[in-house]
Amino acid sequence: MNEQYASLRTLITRQNGEACVLMSLEVYNSLKETAYLLRFPVNARMLNSCAE
């Protein structure tokens, strides 16, 4: 996870189940948008080259 978002989420551990993550809707939507854009190889290459 990007360090920018690491401090914006809370990890919730449970005794008898999977851990959960609590984050703001803004952070969630941003992560969803990034995942959507990176699904397409052309977008992923373009975004990665812009980040360098």
PDB file of N, CA and C in Angstrom:
ATOM      1  N   MET A   1       0.847  -1.181   0.000  1.00  0.00           N
ATOM      2  CA  MET A   1       0.000   0.000   0.000  1.00  0.00           C
ATOM      3  C   MET A   1       0.883   1.231   0.000  1.00  0.00           C
ATOM      4  N   ASN A   2       0.471   2.234  -0.718  1.00  0.00           N
ATOM      5  CA  ASN A   2       1.181   3.497  -0.785  1.00  0.00           C
ATOM      6  C   ASN A   2       1.307   4.102   0.608  1.00  0.00           C
ATOM      7  N   GLU A   3       2.493   4.618   0.921  1.00  0.00           N
ATOM      8  CA  GLU A   3       2.718   5.210   2.246  1.00  0.00           C
ATOM      9  C   GLU A   3       1.749   6.347   2.529  1.00  0.00           C
ATOM     10  N   GLN A   4       1.328   7.041   1.484  1.00  0.00           N
ATOM     11  CA  GLN A   4       0.372   8.138   1.644  1.00  0.00           C
ATOM     12  C   GLN A   4      -0.910   7.653   2.319  1.00  0.00           C
ATOM     13  N   TYR A   5      -1.322   6.430   2.005  1.00  0.00           N
ATOM     14  CA  TYR A   5      -2.569   5.901   2.534  1.00  0.00           C
ATOM     15  C   TYR A   5      -2.384   5.064   3.797  1.00  0.00           C
ATOM     16  N   ALA A   6      -1.168   4.666   4.087  1.00  0.00           N
ATOM     17  CA  ALA A   6      -0.924   3.772   5.216  1.00  0.00           C
ATOM     18  C   ALA A   6      -1.428   4.357   6.526  1.00  0.00           C
ATOM     19  N   SER A   7      -1.276   5.657   6.714  1.00  0.00           N
ATOM     20  CA  SER A   7      -1.718   6.272   7.963  1.00  0.00           C
ATOM     21  C   SER A   7      -3.201   6.626   7.949  1.00  0.00           C
ATOM     22  N   LEU A   8      -3.857   6.433   6.816  1.00  0.00           N
ATOM     23  CA  LEU A   8      -5.265   6.803   6.683  1.00  0.00           C
ATOM     24  C   LEU A   8      -6.208   5.612   6.803  1.00  0.00           C
ATOM     25  N   ARG A   9      -5.682   4.511   7.276  1.00  0.00           N
ATOM     26  CA  ARG A   9      -6.529   3.334   7.432  1.00  0.00           C
ATOM     27  C   ARG A   9      -6.263   2.719   8.801  1.00  0.00           C
ATOM     28  N   THR A  10      -7.242   1.951   9.263  1.00  0.00           N
ATOM     29  CA  THR A  10      -7.135   1.263  10.541  1.00  0.00           C
ATOM     30  C   THR A  10      -7.343  -0.220  10.303  1.00  0.00           C
ATOM     31  N   LEU A  11      -6.442  -1.025  10.805  1.00  0.00           N
ATOM     32  CA  LEU A  11      -6.558  -2.469  10.692  1.00  0.00           C
ATOM     33  C   LEU A  11      -7.340  -2.990  11.899  1.00  0.00           C
ATOM     34  N   ILE A  12      -8.381  -3.746  11.638  1.00  0.00           N
ATOM     35  CA  ILE A  12      -9.216  -4.316  12.694  1.00  0.00           C
ATOM     36  C   ILE A  12      -8.991  -5.821  12.701  1.00  0.00           C
ATOM     37  N   THR A  13      -8.438  -6.338  13.768  1.00  0.00           N
ATOM     38  CA  THR A  13      -8.216  -7.776  13.876  1.00  0.00           C
ATOM     39  C   THR A  13      -9.347  -8.396  14.691  1.00  0.00           C
ATOM     40  N   ARG A  14      -9.721  -9.613  14.317  1.00  0.00           N
ATOM     41  CA  ARG A  14     -10.806 -10.306  15.003  1.00  0.00           C
ATOM     42  C   ARG A  14     -10.309 -11.655  15.460  1.00  0.00           C
ATOM     43  N   GLN A  15     -10.813 -12.119  16.570  1.00  0.00           N
ATOM     44  CA  GLN A  15     -10.369 -13.397  17.119  1.00  0.00           C
ATOM     45  C   GLN A  15     -10.716 -14.568  16.222  1.00  0.00           C
ATOM     46  N   ASN A  16     -11.905 -14.564  15.671  1.00  0.00           N
ATOM     47  CA  ASN A  16     -12.372 -15.733  14.902  1.00  0.00           C
ATOM     48  C   ASN A  16     -12.721 -15.373  13.462  1.00  0.00           C
ATOM     49  N   GLY A  17     -11.868 -14.632  12.816  1.00  0.00           N
ATOM     50  CA  GLY A  17     -12.160 -14.281  11.436  1.00  0.00           C
ATOM     51  C   GLY A  17     -11.044 -13.476  10.802  1.00  0.00           C
ATOM     52  N   GLU A  18     -11.276 -13.109   9.576  1.00  0.00           N
ATOM     53  CA  GLU A  18     -10.302 -12.323   8.842  1.00  0.00           C
ATOM     54  C   GLU A  18     -10.212 -10.915   9.406  1.00  0.00           C
ATOM     55  N   ALA A  19      -9.037 -10.325   9.237  1.00  0.00           N
ATOM     56  CA  ALA A  19      -8.863  -8.930   9.620  1.00  0.00           C
ATOM     57  C   ALA A  19      -9.615  -8.050   8.620  1.00  0.00           C
ATOM     58  N   CYS A  20      -9.969  -6.851   9.032  1.00  0.00           N
ATOM     59  CA  CYS A  20     -10.678  -5.887   8.196  1.00  0.00           C
ATOM     60  C   CYS A  20      -9.889  -4.585   8.174  1.00  0.00           C
ATOM     61  N   VAL A  21     -10.160  -3.783   7.167  1.00  0.00           N
ATOM     62  CA  VAL A  21      -9.530  -2.471   7.063  1.00  0.00           C
ATOM     63  C   VAL A  21     -10.628  -1.418   7.037  1.00  0.00           C
ATOM     64  N   LEU A  22     -10.462  -0.392   7.839  1.00  0.00           N
ATOM     65  CA  LEU A  22     -11.385   0.734   7.891  1.00  0.00           C
ATOM     66  C   LEU A  22     -10.671   1.939   7.304  1.00  0.00           C
ATOM     67  N   MET A  23     -11.291   2.574   6.303  1.00  0.00           N
ATOM     68  CA  MET A  23     -10.687   3.754   5.677  1.00  0.00           C
ATOM     69  C   MET A  23     -11.792   4.703   5.245  1.00  0.00           C
ATOM     70  N   SER A  24     -11.405   5.921   4.954  1.00  0.00           N
ATOM     71  CA  SER A  24     -12.394   6.899   4.520  1.00  0.00           C
ATOM     72  C   SER A  24     -12.898   6.536   3.124  1.00  0.00           C
ATOM     73  N   LEU A  25     -14.066   7.031   2.793  1.00  0.00           N
ATOM     74  CA  LEU A  25     -14.627   6.798   1.465  1.00  0.00           C
ATOM     75  C   LEU A  25     -13.731   7.425   0.403  1.00  0.00           C
ATOM     76  N   GLU A  26     -13.136   8.545   0.690  1.00  0.00           N
ATOM     77  CA  GLU A  26     -12.228   9.210  -0.256  1.00  0.00           C
ATOM     78  C   GLU A  26     -11.035   8.315  -0.593  1.00  0.00           C
ATOM     79  N   VAL A  27     -10.427   7.719   0.411  1.00  0.00           N
ATOM     80  CA  VAL A  27      -9.286   6.828   0.191  1.00  0.00           C
ATOM     81  C   VAL A  27      -9.737   5.592  -0.579  1.00  0.00           C
ATOM     82  N   TYR A  28     -10.856   5.017  -0.201  1.00  0.00           N
ATOM     83  CA  TYR A  28     -11.389   3.838  -0.875  1.00  0.00           C
ATOM     84  C   TYR A  28     -11.634   4.122  -2.357  1.00  0.00           C
ATOM     85  N   ASN A  29     -12.296   5.225  -2.641  1.00  0.00           N
ATOM     86  CA  ASN A  29     -12.592   5.575  -4.031  1.00  0.00           C
ATOM     87  C   ASN A  29     -11.318   5.817  -4.832  1.00  0.00           C
ATOM     88  N   SER A  30     -10.336   6.434  -4.221  1.00  0.00           N
ATOM     89  CA  SER A  30      -9.063   6.671  -4.888  1.00  0.00           C
ATOM     90  C   SER A  30      -8.367   5.344  -5.228  1.00  0.00           C
ATOM     91  N   LEU A  31      -8.363   4.414  -4.293  1.00  0.00           N
ATOM     92  CA  LEU A  31      -7.758   3.106  -4.539  1.00  0.00           C
ATOM     93  C   LEU A  31      -8.511   2.341  -5.626  1.00  0.00           C
ATOM     94  N   LYS A  32      -9.828   2.432  -5.630  1.00  0.00           N
ATOM     95  CA  LYS A  32     -10.628   1.775  -6.668  1.00  0.00           C
ATOM     96  C   LYS A  32     -10.314   2.356  -8.046  1.00  0.00           C
ATOM     97  N   GLU A  33     -10.202   3.671  -8.126  1.00  0.00           N
ATOM     98  CA  GLU A  33      -9.907   4.321  -9.407  1.00  0.00           C
ATOM     99  C   GLU A  33      -8.526   3.895  -9.919  1.00  0.00           C
ATOM    100  N   THR A  34      -7.553   3.868  -9.031  1.00  0.00           N
ATOM    101  CA  THR A  34      -6.206   3.448  -9.418  1.00  0.00           C
ATOM    102  C   THR A  34      -6.212   2.008  -9.914  1.00  0.00           C
ATOM    103  N   ALA A  35      -6.889   1.131  -9.202  1.00  0.00           N
ATOM    104  CA  ALA A  35      -6.971  -0.273  -9.611  1.00  0.00           C
ATOM    105  C   ALA A  35      -7.641  -0.395 -10.977  1.00  0.00           C
ATOM    106  N   TYR A  36      -8.687   0.391 -11.207  1.00  0.00           N
ATOM    107  CA  TYR A  36      -9.385   0.361 -12.493  1.00  0.00           C
ATOM    108  C   TYR A  36      -8.452   0.794 -13.622  1.00  0.00           C
ATOM    109  N   LEU A  37      -7.736   1.877 -13.413  1.00  0.00           N
ATOM    110  CA  LEU A  37      -6.843   2.384 -14.452  1.00  0.00           C
ATOM    111  C   LEU A  37      -5.700   1.413 -14.747  1.00  0.00           C
ATOM    112  N   LEU A  38      -5.208   0.743 -13.718  1.00  0.00           N
ATOM    113  CA  LEU A  38      -4.086  -0.166 -13.907  1.00  0.00           C
ATOM    114  C   LEU A  38      -4.488  -1.526 -14.491  1.00  0.00           C
ATOM    115  N   ARG A  39      -5.795  -1.770 -14.626  1.00  0.00           N
ATOM    116  CA  ARG A  39      -6.262  -3.038 -15.220  1.00  0.00           C
ATOM    117  C   ARG A  39      -5.859  -3.145 -16.682  1.00  0.00           C
ATOM    118  N   PHE A  40      -5.716  -2.023 -17.335  1.00  0.00           N
ATOM    119  CA  PHE A  40      -5.436  -2.011 -18.763  1.00  0.00           C
ATOM    120  C   PHE A  40      -3.941  -1.788 -18.981  1.00  0.00           C
ATOM    121  N   PRO A  41      -3.270  -2.702 -19.672  1.00  0.00           N
ATOM    122  CA  PRO A  41      -1.818  -2.602 -19.842  1.00  0.00           C
ATOM    123  C   PRO A  41      -1.349  -1.268 -20.422  1.00  0.00           C
ATOM    124  N   VAL A  42      -2.088  -0.720 -21.374  1.00  0.00           N
ATOM    125  CA  VAL A  42      -1.691   0.561 -21.971  1.00  0.00           C
ATOM    126  C   VAL A  42      -1.706   1.659 -20.910  1.00  0.00           C
ATOM    127  N   ASN A  43      -2.752   1.711 -20.110  1.00  0.00           N
ATOM    128  CA  ASN A  43      -2.833   2.710 -19.041  1.00  0.00           C
ATOM    129  C   ASN A  43      -1.731   2.497 -18.013  1.00  0.00           C
ATOM    130  N   ALA A  44      -1.483   1.260 -17.648  1.00  0.00           N
ATOM    131  CA  ALA A  44      -0.463   0.957 -16.646  1.00  0.00           C
ATOM    132  C   ALA A  44       0.902   1.442 -17.118  1.00  0.00           C
ATOM    133  N   ARG A  45       1.246   1.167 -18.372  1.00  0.00           N
ATOM    134  CA  ARG A  45       2.545   1.615 -18.901  1.00  0.00           C
ATOM    135  C   ARG A  45       2.627   3.130 -18.906  1.00  0.00           C
ATOM    136  N   MET A  46       1.556   3.792 -19.361  1.00  0.00           N
ATOM    137  CA  MET A  46       1.557   5.253 -19.426  1.00  0.00           C
ATOM    138  C   MET A  46       1.692   5.863 -18.028  1.00  0.00           C
ATOM    139  N   LEU A  47       0.922   5.362 -17.075  1.00  0.00           N
ATOM    140  CA  LEU A  47       0.977   5.895 -15.718  1.00  0.00           C
ATOM    141  C   LEU A  47       2.336   5.647 -15.070  1.00  0.00           C
ATOM    142  N   ASN A  48       2.887   4.464 -15.295  1.00  0.00           N
ATOM    143  CA  ASN A  48       4.205   4.156 -14.735  1.00  0.00           C
ATOM    144  C   ASN A  48       5.289   5.035 -15.340  1.00  0.00           C
ATOM    145  N   SER A  49       5.198   5.315 -16.628  1.00  0.00           N
ATOM    146  CA  SER A  49       6.218   6.162 -17.256  1.00  0.00           C
ATOM    147  C   SER A  49       6.087   7.606 -16.780  1.00  0.00           C
ATOM    148  N   CYS A  50       4.883   8.053 -16.500  1.00  0.00           N
ATOM    149  CA  CYS A  50       4.676   9.421 -15.991  1.00  0.00           C
ATOM    150  C   CYS A  50       5.187   9.562 -14.563  1.00  0.00           C
ATOM    151  N   ALA A  51       5.136   8.493 -13.808  1.00  0.00           N
ATOM    152  CA  ALA A  51       5.549   8.534 -12.405  1.00  0.00           C
ATOM    153  C   ALA A  51       7.064   8.567 -12.256  1.00  0.00           C
ATOM    154  N   GLU A  52       7.774   8.162 -13.283  1.00  0.00           N
ATOM    155  CA  GLU A  52       9.239   8.104 -13.195  1.00  0.00           C
ATOM    156  C   GLU A  52       9.884   9.437 -13.391  1.00  0.00           C
TER     157      GLU A  52
END
